[in-house]
């Protein structure tokens, strides 16, 4: 084939492709947002317990905190909490300052040791009793309780499906309002998901004491909301 004819055919092909792309881009469309939320109760909790001990020397403070946290760990084991659901956390040792009675100058009066442990609980009905038992075993600080989901993906996917359904409903509504037929879905983009954040409680000091007469710690897990947002483009169909 002569070069001139080959160039002419190439130019014709490019022109036809450009015209087709332009025709596709100029297709009449409806673009809508779809939003949805799914609200579910939590099915797990993470409890952060700590023991605080103050003594005159560093060694005595560490020993006291270690004995107390060991008692807490033994209690958790006795309560049936799996080792995989228990994680030791920060160990801190800080001086405790006071004032000289005459001069008012600052001085070290002792040392404070803090040993923490995080516990994952999947039986929420037992959570209040577990916290109360841990306090009886020696925990004197509850750093917080977080309620969450063991498998958030299942609920997140449910929110995604509902978001697509919402987009389809809106597109059908706009097509009906505009007196045009709704065509095929052309594009679907996720605009980010809300995910979820565990519901967190604040820290509190708790006083260790005898188990007799201690009530379970009252807890209200609440509910967790997962959201999804999509942008969907539909073609406007051919009028019948």
Protein backbone atom coordinates (compact mmCIF):
# COMPACT_ATOMS: atom_id res chain seq x y z
CA UNK A 1 0.00 0.00 0.00
CA UNK A 2 1.47 3.39 -0.98
CA UNK A 3 2.53 5.56 1.97
CA UNK A 4 0.11 8.34 1.11
CA UNK A 5 -2.88 5.99 1.16
CA UNK A 6 -1.68 4.47 4.46
CA UNK A 7 -1.45 7.96 6.03
CA UNK A 8 -4.89 8.85 4.74
CA UNK A 9 -6.44 5.69 6.24
CA UNK A 10 -4.70 6.38 9.58
CA UNK A 11 -6.02 9.93 9.65
CA UNK A 12 -9.54 8.69 8.85
CA UNK A 13 -9.37 6.09 11.62
CA UNK A 14 -8.24 8.69 14.18
CA UNK A 15 -11.00 11.05 13.10
CA UNK A 16 -13.65 8.35 13.45
CA UNK A 17 -12.31 7.37 16.90
CA UNK A 18 -12.37 10.98 18.02
CA UNK A 19 -15.93 11.41 16.80
CA UNK A 20 -17.04 8.26 18.61
CA UNK A 21 -15.38 9.35 21.87
CA UNK A 22 -16.96 12.79 21.55
CA UNK A 23 -20.34 11.21 20.97
CA UNK A 24 -19.92 9.04 24.05
CA UNK A 25 -18.82 11.99 26.18
CA UNK A 26 -21.80 14.03 25.02
CA UNK A 27 -24.26 11.26 25.92
CA UNK A 28 -27.08 12.57 28.09
CA UNK A 29 -26.62 11.37 31.66
CA UNK A 30 -27.96 11.67 35.17
CA UNK A 31 -25.39 11.79 38.00
CA UNK A 32 -26.50 11.37 41.60
CA UNK A 33 -25.07 10.82 45.06
CA UNK A 34 -26.11 7.81 47.09
CA UNK A 35 -25.76 7.84 50.87
CA UNK A 36 -26.58 5.31 53.54
CA UNK A 37 -25.95 4.48 57.18
CA UNK A 38 -26.10 1.23 59.07
CA UNK A 39 -26.46 1.27 62.84
CA UNK A 40 -25.53 -1.84 64.80
CA UNK A 41 -24.83 -2.66 68.45
CA UNK A 42 -21.20 -3.37 69.33
CA UNK A 43 -20.18 -6.96 69.87
CA UNK A 44 -16.82 -6.46 71.57
CA UNK A 45 -15.12 -4.16 74.05
CA UNK A 46 -11.55 -3.29 74.94
CA UNK A 47 -10.90 -2.46 78.58
CA UNK A 48 -7.71 -0.71 79.68
CA UNK A 49 -6.97 -1.44 83.32
CA UNK A 50 -4.03 -0.21 85.34
CA UNK A 51 -2.53 -0.57 88.79
CA UNK A 52 -0.84 2.36 90.52
CA UNK A 53 1.47 1.90 93.46
CA UNK A 54 3.40 4.50 95.47
CA UNK A 55 6.33 3.59 97.70
CA UNK A 56 9.43 5.22 99.13
CA UNK A 57 11.84 3.57 96.68
CA UNK A 58 11.73 2.66 93.00
CA UNK A 59 12.17 -1.02 93.71
CA UNK A 60 9.34 -1.12 96.22
CA UNK A 61 7.01 0.75 93.85
CA UNK A 62 7.80 -1.61 90.97
CA UNK A 63 7.38 -4.68 93.18
CA UNK A 64 3.99 -3.48 94.43
CA UNK A 65 2.73 -2.71 90.93
CA UNK A 66 4.03 -6.04 89.62
CA UNK A 67 2.28 -8.02 92.37
CA UNK A 68 -0.98 -6.19 91.72
CA UNK A 69 -0.90 -6.62 87.93
CA UNK A 70 -0.02 -10.31 88.35
CA UNK A 71 -3.12 -10.73 90.51
CA UNK A 72 -5.20 -9.00 87.82
CA UNK A 73 -3.76 -11.25 85.09
CA UNK A 74 -4.47 -14.34 87.16
CA UNK A 75 -8.03 -13.15 87.69
CA UNK A 76 -8.54 -12.61 83.96
CA UNK A 77 -7.25 -16.12 83.28
CA UNK A 78 -9.60 -17.55 85.90
CA UNK A 79 -12.47 -15.67 84.26
CA UNK A 80 -11.77 -17.47 80.98
CA UNK A 81 -10.21 -14.59 79.06
CA UNK A 82 -7.90 -15.99 76.37
CA UNK A 83 -4.22 -15.06 76.43
CA UNK A 84 -4.55 -13.64 72.91
CA UNK A 85 -7.11 -11.15 74.26
CA UNK A 86 -4.77 -9.79 76.96
CA UNK A 87 -1.99 -7.35 76.14
CA UNK A 88 0.27 -5.68 78.64
CA UNK A 89 0.76 -1.99 78.01
CA UNK A 90 2.85 0.84 79.35
CA UNK A 91 4.96 0.55 82.47
CA UNK A 92 5.77 3.92 83.99
CA UNK A 93 7.86 4.88 86.98
CA UNK A 94 7.87 8.51 88.12
CA UNK A 95 9.06 10.37 91.20
CA UNK A 96 6.48 11.82 93.54
CA UNK A 97 7.32 15.36 94.63
CA UNK A 98 6.46 17.11 97.83
CA UNK A 99 7.58 20.26 99.66
CA UNK A 100 9.97 20.85 102.48
CA UNK A 101 7.87 21.89 105.48
CA UNK A 102 10.10 24.88 106.30
CA UNK A 103 11.60 26.11 103.05
CA UNK A 104 8.86 24.97 100.72
CA UNK A 105 11.50 23.59 98.36
CA UNK A 106 10.47 20.68 96.14
CA UNK A 107 11.79 17.26 97.05
CA UNK A 108 11.23 13.67 96.02
CA UNK A 109 9.05 11.96 98.61
CA UNK A 110 8.61 8.62 96.84
CA UNK A 111 7.97 6.90 93.55
CA UNK A 112 4.85 5.93 91.64
CA UNK A 113 4.74 2.88 89.37
CA UNK A 114 1.91 2.32 86.89
CA UNK A 115 1.39 -0.94 85.02
CA UNK A 116 -1.38 -1.27 82.43
CA UNK A 117 -3.12 -4.10 80.61
CA UNK A 118 -5.65 -4.10 77.75
CA UNK A 119 -8.33 -6.78 77.66
CA UNK A 120 -10.59 -7.64 74.73
CA UNK A 121 -14.00 -8.92 75.77
CA UNK A 122 -16.50 -10.44 73.33
CA UNK A 123 -19.11 -11.44 75.90
CA UNK A 124 -20.45 -7.99 76.71
CA UNK A 125 -22.91 -9.31 79.29
CA UNK A 126 -19.95 -10.29 81.46
CA UNK A 127 -18.03 -7.03 81.05
CA UNK A 128 -19.37 -5.23 84.13
CA UNK A 129 -18.68 -8.21 86.39
CA UNK A 130 -15.19 -8.62 84.91
CA UNK A 131 -14.28 -5.02 85.65
CA UNK A 132 -15.58 -5.30 89.21
CA UNK A 133 -13.59 -8.50 89.73
CA UNK A 134 -10.44 -6.86 88.34
CA UNK A 135 -10.82 -4.03 90.84
CA UNK A 136 -11.11 -6.53 93.65
CA UNK A 137 -7.92 -8.19 92.37
CA UNK A 138 -5.97 -4.93 92.60
CA UNK A 139 -6.70 -2.76 89.54
CA UNK A 140 -7.27 0.78 90.75
CA UNK A 141 -7.44 2.71 87.46
CA UNK A 142 -9.80 2.15 84.55
CA UNK A 143 -8.12 3.97 81.67
CA UNK A 144 -11.13 3.53 79.41
CA UNK A 145 -13.57 1.19 77.71
CA UNK A 146 -13.94 1.08 73.91
CA UNK A 147 -16.87 -0.67 72.26
CA UNK A 148 -16.36 -1.95 68.73
CA UNK A 149 -17.13 -4.58 66.13
CA UNK A 150 -15.35 -7.87 65.56
CA UNK A 151 -16.11 -7.82 61.83
CA UNK A 152 -16.96 -4.27 60.70
CA UNK A 153 -16.57 -5.19 57.00
CA UNK A 154 -19.87 -7.07 56.92
CA UNK A 155 -21.76 -4.03 58.18
CA UNK A 156 -19.73 -1.63 56.02
CA UNK A 157 -20.64 -3.65 52.93
CA UNK A 158 -24.30 -3.45 53.94
CA UNK A 159 -23.97 0.35 54.04
CA UNK A 160 -22.34 0.30 50.59
CA UNK A 161 -25.20 -1.73 49.11
CA UNK A 162 -27.75 0.62 50.64
CA UNK A 163 -25.85 3.61 49.22
CA UNK A 164 -26.06 2.15 45.70
CA UNK A 165 -29.78 1.47 46.21
CA UNK A 166 -30.22 5.07 47.33
CA UNK A 167 -28.41 6.34 44.22
CA UNK A 168 -30.64 4.21 42.00
CA UNK A 169 -33.75 5.50 43.74
CA UNK A 170 -32.65 9.11 43.29
CA UNK A 171 -31.75 8.59 39.64
CA UNK A 172 -35.15 7.00 38.96
CA UNK A 173 -36.84 9.90 40.72
CA UNK A 174 -35.00 12.51 38.64
CA UNK A 175 -35.65 10.59 35.43
CA UNK A 176 -39.35 10.46 36.24
CA UNK A 177 -39.40 14.15 37.16
CA UNK A 178 -37.63 15.00 33.90
CA UNK A 179 -39.94 12.73 31.91
CA UNK A 180 -37.06 10.73 30.46
CA UNK A 181 -36.31 7.00 30.64
CA UNK A 182 -33.49 5.88 32.89
CA UNK A 183 -30.78 3.98 31.05
CA UNK A 184 -27.87 1.80 32.11
CA UNK A 185 -25.43 2.59 34.87
CA UNK A 186 -22.27 4.04 33.32
CA UNK A 187 -20.04 4.85 36.28
CA UNK A 188 -20.00 4.13 39.98
CA UNK A 189 -17.43 5.70 42.29
CA UNK A 190 -17.09 5.35 46.04
CA UNK A 191 -16.59 8.72 47.66
CA UNK A 192 -15.13 7.31 50.83
CA UNK A 193 -16.79 5.49 53.66
CA UNK A 194 -17.45 6.77 57.11
CA UNK A 195 -15.96 3.63 58.58
CA UNK A 196 -16.53 3.63 62.27
CA UNK A 197 -14.81 4.78 65.39
CA UNK A 198 -15.03 2.68 68.55
CA UNK A 199 -17.18 4.24 71.24
CA UNK A 200 -14.78 5.30 73.96
CA UNK A 201 -15.32 5.98 77.63
CA UNK A 202 -13.06 8.21 79.66
CA UNK A 203 -10.62 7.18 82.38
CA UNK A 204 -11.64 6.85 85.99
CA UNK A 205 -9.99 6.04 89.29
CA UNK A 206 -11.38 3.00 91.05
CA UNK A 207 -10.79 1.91 94.60
CA UNK A 208 -9.77 -1.68 95.18
CA UNK A 209 -11.51 -3.36 98.06
CA UNK A 210 -13.16 -6.53 99.27
CA UNK A 211 -15.33 -8.37 96.77
CA UNK A 212 -18.25 -8.80 99.15
CA UNK A 213 -21.16 -6.58 98.22
CA UNK A 214 -19.49 -5.04 95.14
CA UNK A 215 -21.98 -4.60 92.30
CA UNK A 216 -21.13 -5.10 88.65
CA UNK A 217 -20.03 -1.92 86.91
CA UNK A 218 -23.02 -0.60 84.89
CA UNK A 219 -22.21 -0.08 81.20
CA UNK A 220 -24.27 1.12 78.24
CA UNK A 221 -22.60 0.04 74.97
CA UNK A 222 -24.82 2.19 72.73
CA UNK A 223 -24.73 1.70 68.97
CA UNK A 224 -22.14 2.13 66.21
CA UNK A 225 -22.93 3.86 62.91
CA UNK A 226 -21.21 2.95 59.65
CA UNK A 227 -21.79 5.06 56.54
CA UNK A 228 -21.09 4.95 52.81
CA UNK A 229 -21.25 7.50 50.00
CA UNK A 230 -21.19 6.81 46.25
CA UNK A 231 -21.50 8.84 43.04
CA UNK A 232 -23.32 7.05 40.22
CA UNK A 233 -23.87 8.13 36.61
CA UNK A 234 -26.74 6.71 34.55
CA UNK A 235 -27.42 7.15 30.88
CA UNK A 236 -30.70 8.73 29.84
CA UNK A 237 -32.33 6.06 27.75
CA UNK A 238 -33.95 6.31 24.38
CA UNK A 239 -37.53 7.48 24.51
CA UNK A 240 -39.99 4.72 23.73
